[in-house]
Protein backbone atom coordinates (compact mmCIF):
# COMPACT_ATOMS: atom_id res chain seq x y z
CA UNK A 1 46.63 13.53 5.16
CA UNK A 2 43.54 13.72 2.99
CA UNK A 3 45.44 14.89 -0.11
CA UNK A 4 47.53 11.71 -0.65
CA UNK A 5 44.33 9.72 -0.16
CA UNK A 6 42.63 11.78 -2.89
CA UNK A 7 45.55 11.13 -5.21
CA UNK A 8 45.22 7.40 -4.58
CA UNK A 9 41.47 7.52 -5.24
CA UNK A 10 41.96 9.43 -8.50
CA UNK A 11 44.66 7.02 -9.65
CA UNK A 12 42.60 3.99 -8.65
CA UNK A 13 39.66 5.28 -10.69
CA UNK A 14 41.93 5.83 -13.66
CA UNK A 15 43.19 2.26 -13.41
CA UNK A 16 39.77 1.14 -14.63
CA UNK A 17 40.30 2.94 -17.93
CA UNK A 18 41.66 0.99 -20.92
CA UNK A 19 45.43 0.49 -20.81
CA UNK A 20 47.49 2.97 -22.77
CA UNK A 21 49.75 1.52 -25.45
CA UNK A 22 52.44 4.11 -24.87
CA UNK A 23 55.25 1.91 -23.63
CA UNK A 24 59.02 2.22 -23.84
CA UNK A 25 61.61 -0.32 -22.70
CA UNK A 26 64.15 0.52 -20.04
CA UNK A 27 67.07 0.60 -22.53
CA UNK A 28 65.07 2.80 -24.92
CA UNK A 29 64.19 5.18 -22.07
CA UNK A 30 67.83 5.39 -20.99
CA UNK A 31 69.05 6.14 -24.50
CA UNK A 32 66.35 8.73 -25.20
CA UNK A 33 67.06 10.44 -21.86
CA UNK A 34 70.80 10.46 -22.57
CA UNK A 35 70.12 12.08 -25.94
CA UNK A 36 67.86 14.68 -24.33
CA UNK A 37 64.84 13.38 -26.26
CA UNK A 38 62.74 12.74 -23.15
CA UNK A 39 62.53 13.41 -19.44
CA UNK A 40 62.61 10.24 -17.33
CA UNK A 41 60.56 10.57 -14.13
CA UNK A 42 60.78 8.06 -11.26
CA UNK A 43 57.41 8.18 -9.48
CA UNK A 44 58.25 5.78 -6.65
CA UNK A 45 58.46 6.78 -3.00
CA UNK A 46 61.61 7.99 -1.18
CA UNK A 47 62.05 4.66 0.68
CA UNK A 48 62.02 2.86 -2.69
CA UNK A 49 64.59 5.27 -4.12
CA UNK A 50 66.83 4.62 -1.12
CA UNK A 51 66.38 0.85 -1.36
CA UNK A 52 67.41 0.40 -5.01
CA UNK A 53 68.85 3.69 -6.14
CA UNK A 54 67.30 5.48 -9.10
CA UNK A 55 67.68 5.27 -12.84
CA UNK A 56 70.60 7.42 -13.92
CA UNK A 57 69.39 10.88 -14.89
CA UNK A 58 65.83 10.37 -13.65
CA UNK A 59 63.86 13.18 -12.04
CA UNK A 60 62.31 12.12 -8.75
CA UNK A 61 58.64 13.02 -8.27
CA UNK A 62 56.85 10.96 -5.65
CA UNK A 63 53.40 10.07 -6.99
CA UNK A 64 52.10 10.14 -3.40
CA UNK A 65 52.56 13.87 -3.29
CA UNK A 66 51.84 15.86 -0.10
CA UNK A 67 49.53 18.09 -2.17
CA UNK A 68 47.79 15.18 -3.86
CA UNK A 69 47.33 14.69 -7.59
CA UNK A 70 47.48 18.45 -8.24
CA UNK A 71 50.84 18.71 -6.48
CA UNK A 72 52.21 15.83 -8.53
CA UNK A 73 50.90 17.40 -11.73
CA UNK A 74 52.40 20.78 -10.81
CA UNK A 75 55.83 19.21 -10.30
CA UNK A 76 55.70 17.37 -13.63
CA UNK A 77 54.64 20.58 -15.38
CA UNK A 78 57.46 22.50 -13.68
CA UNK A 79 59.98 19.89 -14.86
CA UNK A 80 58.87 20.21 -18.50
CA UNK A 81 58.46 23.98 -18.45
CA UNK A 82 54.66 23.73 -18.64
CA UNK A 83 54.85 21.94 -22.01
CA UNK A 84 52.22 19.20 -22.09
CA UNK A 85 53.64 18.07 -25.45
CA UNK A 86 57.09 17.40 -23.96
CA UNK A 87 58.14 13.76 -24.21
CA UNK A 88 58.31 12.10 -20.79
CA UNK A 89 58.70 8.53 -19.59
CA UNK A 90 57.58 7.31 -16.18
CA UNK A 91 59.23 4.51 -14.21
CA UNK A 92 58.23 2.79 -10.96
CA UNK A 93 59.03 -0.58 -9.41
CA UNK A 94 57.15 -2.94 -11.78
CA UNK A 95 55.23 -0.72 -14.20
CA UNK A 96 51.84 -0.93 -12.50
CA UNK A 97 51.79 2.56 -10.99
CA UNK A 98 53.28 4.16 -14.09
CA UNK A 99 50.43 2.82 -16.19
CA UNK A 100 47.95 4.47 -13.82
CA UNK A 101 49.87 7.74 -13.66
CA UNK A 102 50.26 7.75 -17.45
CA UNK A 103 46.49 7.64 -17.86
CA UNK A 104 46.13 10.47 -15.33
CA UNK A 105 48.64 12.65 -17.21
CA UNK A 106 46.85 11.95 -20.49
CA UNK A 107 43.59 13.20 -18.95
CA UNK A 108 45.50 16.35 -18.04
CA UNK A 109 46.49 16.96 -21.66
CA UNK A 110 49.90 15.29 -21.92
CA UNK A 111 50.34 13.96 -25.44
CA UNK A 112 53.87 12.51 -25.37
CA UNK A 113 53.80 10.57 -22.08
CA UNK A 114 55.12 7.00 -21.98
CA UNK A 115 55.83 4.46 -19.30
CA UNK A 116 58.44 1.78 -18.68
CA UNK A 117 56.21 -1.24 -18.00
CA UNK A 118 59.10 -3.43 -16.79
CA UNK A 119 60.00 -0.83 -14.16
CA UNK A 120 63.07 -0.97 -11.98
CA UNK A 121 62.51 -4.50 -10.61
CA UNK A 122 61.07 -6.23 -13.66
CA UNK A 123 57.65 -7.59 -14.59
CA UNK A 124 56.01 -9.63 -17.33
CA UNK A 125 56.98 -6.79 -19.67
CA UNK A 126 60.71 -7.36 -19.19
CA UNK A 127 63.58 -7.91 -16.77
CA UNK A 128 63.66 -4.36 -15.45
CA UNK A 129 66.23 -1.60 -15.14
CA UNK A 130 68.19 -3.32 -12.34
CA UNK A 131 68.39 -6.80 -13.91
CA UNK A 132 69.48 -5.21 -17.18
CA UNK A 133 72.29 -3.58 -15.20
CA UNK A 134 71.45 -0.15 -16.55
CA UNK A 135 73.14 2.72 -14.70
CA UNK A 136 71.71 3.89 -11.41
CA UNK A 137 72.50 6.63 -8.93
CA UNK A 138 72.46 6.19 -5.18
CA UNK A 139 69.78 8.10 -3.37
CA UNK A 140 72.34 10.49 -1.89
CA UNK A 141 73.72 11.21 -5.38
CA UNK A 142 70.21 11.75 -6.74
CA UNK A 143 69.34 14.12 -3.84
CA UNK A 144 66.35 12.18 -2.59
């Protein structure tokens, strides 16, 4: 159980860094993903995926990875074929965690990483994926 704790510590430390300006709205993320211009990654936990469903076409990578931050990083790298210049967008519930994870990925050399600050449920940044009625998949459809 120490590994998820380490991931949380690393991400908490990164939260103190200046906020990244790499933001993309939920509709922009959907359209770019549909066009194959970016990989959308939902970093929430399995219970959250089951509660709301997931953004249509999103890859599911739980940020609280059993192998800690390195396990999370390995899964992201596997999804983009090891290309740290691949364009990705991260989504969570309200955009808080994606901002932290975005900073972590940037420290790992990712140059085209963005986040959806309004998240699935909405925040000050916008109404969110669900309120915008953007397409979702049930957890069973998304294999979570």
